[in-house]
Amino acid sequence: LERGLKAFVKYVPRDVVRMMLSGEMESTNAMSRRVVSILFMDIAGFSSLCERVLPEHLMRLLQEYLQAMCEVIVTCRGTLDKFIGDCVMALWNAPKPLRQHER
């Protein structure tokens, strides 16, 4: 369990994990409407890069990029939503409220 939580914290803000563990945030079907900030970010020219480099080199580059982006998102109290190829989708102000999330 502890190992799984350590892996989970790489992609979800620590305070969200704490809220889940404490029961403050429960899995529920209830929804609420709120304004969120969403980020989509990808590597410019990624498709053409894929054609020019060896798969092993491309994999290392992609791993480094995705890891760096995850660290920045979590540091800025965002929530990683998903990877879409080389694209990263993240959001702020959900599931945990965050004042001035648009900054």
C-alpha atoms as a PDB file:
ATOM      1  CA  LEU A   1       0.000   0.000   0.000  1.00  0.00           C
ATOM      2  CA  GLU A   2       2.767   2.414   0.940  1.00  0.00           C
ATOM      3  CA  ARG A   3       4.598   1.733  -2.317  1.00  0.00           C
ATOM      4  CA  GLY A   4       1.425   2.373  -4.290  1.00  0.00           C
ATOM      5  CA  LEU A   5       0.853   5.652  -2.465  1.00  0.00           C
ATOM      6  CA  LYS A   6       4.402   6.806  -3.167  1.00  0.00           C
ATOM      7  CA  ALA A   7       3.844   6.175  -6.880  1.00  0.00           C
ATOM      8  CA  PHE A   8       0.450   7.910  -6.740  1.00  0.00           C
ATOM      9  CA  VAL A   9       1.927  11.033  -5.104  1.00  0.00           C
ATOM     10  CA  LYS A  10       4.159  11.505  -8.166  1.00  0.00           C
ATOM     11  CA  TYR A  11       1.061  12.426 -10.160  1.00  0.00           C
ATOM     12  CA  VAL A  12      -1.370  13.846  -7.617  1.00  0.00           C
ATOM     13  CA  PRO A  13      -0.717  16.651  -5.160  1.00  0.00           C
ATOM     14  CA  ARG A  14       0.159  15.379  -1.680  1.00  0.00           C
ATOM     15  CA  ASP A  15      -2.675  17.279  -0.070  1.00  0.00           C
ATOM     16  CA  VAL A  16      -5.203  15.589  -2.401  1.00  0.00           C
ATOM     17  CA  VAL A  17      -3.812  12.176  -1.408  1.00  0.00           C
ATOM     18  CA  ARG A  18      -4.039  13.217   2.258  1.00  0.00           C
ATOM     19  CA  MET A  19      -7.655  14.283   1.747  1.00  0.00           C
ATOM     20  CA  MET A  20      -8.462  10.908   0.194  1.00  0.00           C
ATOM     21  CA  LEU A  21      -6.767   8.957   2.980  1.00  0.00           C
ATOM     22  CA  SER A  22      -8.397  11.005   5.737  1.00  0.00           C
ATOM     23  CA  GLY A  23     -11.858  10.563   4.234  1.00  0.00           C
ATOM     24  CA  GLU A  24     -12.202  14.299   3.631  1.00  0.00           C
ATOM     25  CA  MET A  25     -12.547  13.539  -0.082  1.00  0.00           C
ATOM     26  CA  GLU A  26     -14.652  10.515  -0.908  1.00  0.00           C
ATOM     27  CA  SER A  27     -15.258   8.773  -4.158  1.00  0.00           C
ATOM     28  CA  THR A  28     -18.765   9.822  -5.051  1.00  0.00           C
ATOM     29  CA  ASN A  29     -21.051  10.322  -7.984  1.00  0.00           C
ATOM     30  CA  ALA A  30     -21.906  13.828  -6.809  1.00  0.00           C
ATOM     31  CA  MET A  31     -20.597  16.603  -8.998  1.00  0.00           C
ATOM     32  CA  SER A  32     -20.155  20.305  -8.460  1.00  0.00           C
ATOM     33  CA  ARG A  33     -19.747  23.128 -10.918  1.00  0.00           C
ATOM     34  CA  ARG A  34     -16.600  25.253 -10.610  1.00  0.00           C
ATOM     35  CA  VAL A  35     -14.176  27.267 -12.682  1.00  0.00           C
ATOM     36  CA  VAL A  36     -10.909  25.408 -13.323  1.00  0.00           C
ATOM     37  CA  SER A  37      -7.671  26.184 -15.100  1.00  0.00           C
ATOM     38  CA  ILE A  38      -6.661  23.549 -17.652  1.00  0.00           C
ATOM     39  CA  LEU A  39      -3.286  23.082 -19.302  1.00  0.00           C
ATOM     40  CA  PHE A  40      -2.597  21.119 -22.481  1.00  0.00           C
ATOM     41  CA  MET A  41       1.092  21.019 -23.347  1.00  0.00           C
ATOM     42  CA  ASP A  42       2.976  19.027 -25.954  1.00  0.00           C
ATOM     43  CA  ILE A  43       6.333  18.923 -27.696  1.00  0.00           C
ATOM     44  CA  ALA A  44       6.445  21.079 -30.830  1.00  0.00           C
ATOM     45  CA  GLY A  45       7.586  18.988 -33.794  1.00  0.00           C
ATOM     46  CA  PHE A  46       7.238  15.684 -31.927  1.00  0.00           C
ATOM     47  CA  SER A  47       5.897  13.765 -34.937  1.00  0.00           C
ATOM     48  CA  SER A  48       8.827  14.726 -37.141  1.00  0.00           C
ATOM     49  CA  LEU A  49      11.239  14.057 -34.262  1.00  0.00           C
ATOM     50  CA  CYS A  50       9.865  10.507 -34.054  1.00  0.00           C
ATOM     51  CA  GLU A  51      10.898   9.944 -37.661  1.00  0.00           C
ATOM     52  CA  ARG A  52      14.491  11.112 -37.106  1.00  0.00           C
ATOM     53  CA  VAL A  53      15.660   9.449 -33.872  1.00  0.00           C
ATOM     54  CA  LEU A  54      16.073   5.914 -32.631  1.00  0.00           C
ATOM     55  CA  PRO A  55      13.149   4.590 -30.573  1.00  0.00           C
ATOM     56  CA  GLU A  56      15.371   4.140 -27.484  1.00  0.00           C
ATOM     57  CA  HIS A  57      16.522   7.761 -27.627  1.00  0.00           C
ATOM     58  CA  LEU A  58      12.969   8.978 -28.196  1.00  0.00           C
ATOM     59  CA  MET A  59      11.769   6.984 -25.193  1.00  0.00           C
ATOM     60  CA  ARG A  60      14.418   8.543 -22.926  1.00  0.00           C
ATOM     61  CA  LEU A  61      13.551  12.046 -24.152  1.00  0.00           C
ATOM     62  CA  LEU A  62       9.845  11.457 -23.629  1.00  0.00           C
ATOM     63  CA  GLN A  63      10.380  10.025 -20.134  1.00  0.00           C
ATOM     64  CA  GLU A  64      12.505  13.014 -19.114  1.00  0.00           C
ATOM     65  CA  TYR A  65       9.998  15.487 -20.541  1.00  0.00           C
ATOM     66  CA  LEU A  66       6.959  13.848 -18.923  1.00  0.00           C
ATOM     67  CA  GLN A  67       8.735  13.509 -15.565  1.00  0.00           C
ATOM     68  CA  ALA A  68       9.788  17.167 -15.607  1.00  0.00           C
ATOM     69  CA  MET A  69       6.272  18.320 -16.525  1.00  0.00           C
ATOM     70  CA  CYS A  70       4.735  16.197 -13.744  1.00  0.00           C
ATOM     71  CA  GLU A  71       7.119  17.668 -11.190  1.00  0.00           C
ATOM     72  CA  VAL A  72       6.236  21.221 -12.235  1.00  0.00           C
ATOM     73  CA  ILE A  73       2.491  20.501 -12.181  1.00  0.00           C
ATOM     74  CA  VAL A  74       2.612  18.928  -8.718  1.00  0.00           C
ATOM     75  CA  THR A  75       4.889  21.687  -7.391  1.00  0.00           C
ATOM     76  CA  CYS A  76       2.349  24.241  -8.639  1.00  0.00           C
ATOM     77  CA  ARG A  77      -0.407  22.288  -6.832  1.00  0.00           C
ATOM     78  CA  GLY A  78      -2.003  21.063 -10.038  1.00  0.00           C
ATOM     79  CA  THR A  79      -3.550  17.691 -10.767  1.00  0.00           C
ATOM     80  CA  LEU A  80      -2.222  15.585 -13.612  1.00  0.00           C
ATOM     81  CA  ASP A  81      -5.220  14.419 -15.602  1.00  0.00           C
ATOM     82  CA  LYS A  82      -3.646  12.374 -18.377  1.00  0.00           C
ATOM     83  CA  PHE A  83      -0.976  11.856 -20.972  1.00  0.00           C
ATOM     84  CA  ILE A  84      -2.096  11.944 -24.599  1.00  0.00           C
ATOM     85  CA  GLY A  85       0.972  10.776 -26.495  1.00  0.00           C
ATOM     86  CA  ASP A  86       3.476  13.568 -25.888  1.00  0.00           C
ATOM     87  CA  CYS A  87       0.730  15.855 -24.551  1.00  0.00           C
ATOM     88  CA  VAL A  88       0.199  16.461 -20.843  1.00  0.00           C
ATOM     89  CA  MET A  89      -3.191  17.536 -19.532  1.00  0.00           C
ATOM     90  CA  ALA A  90      -3.380  19.073 -16.058  1.00  0.00           C
ATOM     91  CA  LEU A  91      -5.880  21.106 -14.105  1.00  0.00           C
ATOM     92  CA  TRP A  92      -6.058  23.422 -11.132  1.00  0.00           C
ATOM     93  CA  ASN A  93      -8.917  24.106  -8.695  1.00  0.00           C
ATOM     94  CA  ALA A  94     -10.151  20.524  -8.842  1.00  0.00           C
ATOM     95  CA  PRO A  95     -10.533  18.229  -7.115  1.00  0.00           C
ATOM     96  CA  LYS A  96      -9.196  20.456  -4.336  1.00  0.00           C
ATOM     97  CA  PRO A  97     -10.108  24.144  -4.362  1.00  0.00           C
ATOM     98  CA  LEU A  98      -7.134  26.404  -5.034  1.00  0.00           C
ATOM     99  CA  ARG A  99      -7.310  30.170  -4.644  1.00  0.00           C
ATOM    100  CA  GLN A 100      -5.877  32.154  -7.536  1.00  0.00           C
ATOM    101  CA  HIS A 101      -5.488  28.974  -9.617  1.00  0.00           C
ATOM    102  CA  GLU A 102      -5.471  31.001 -12.810  1.00  0.00           C
ATOM    103  CA  ARG A 103      -2.049  32.423 -11.935  1.00  0.00           C
END
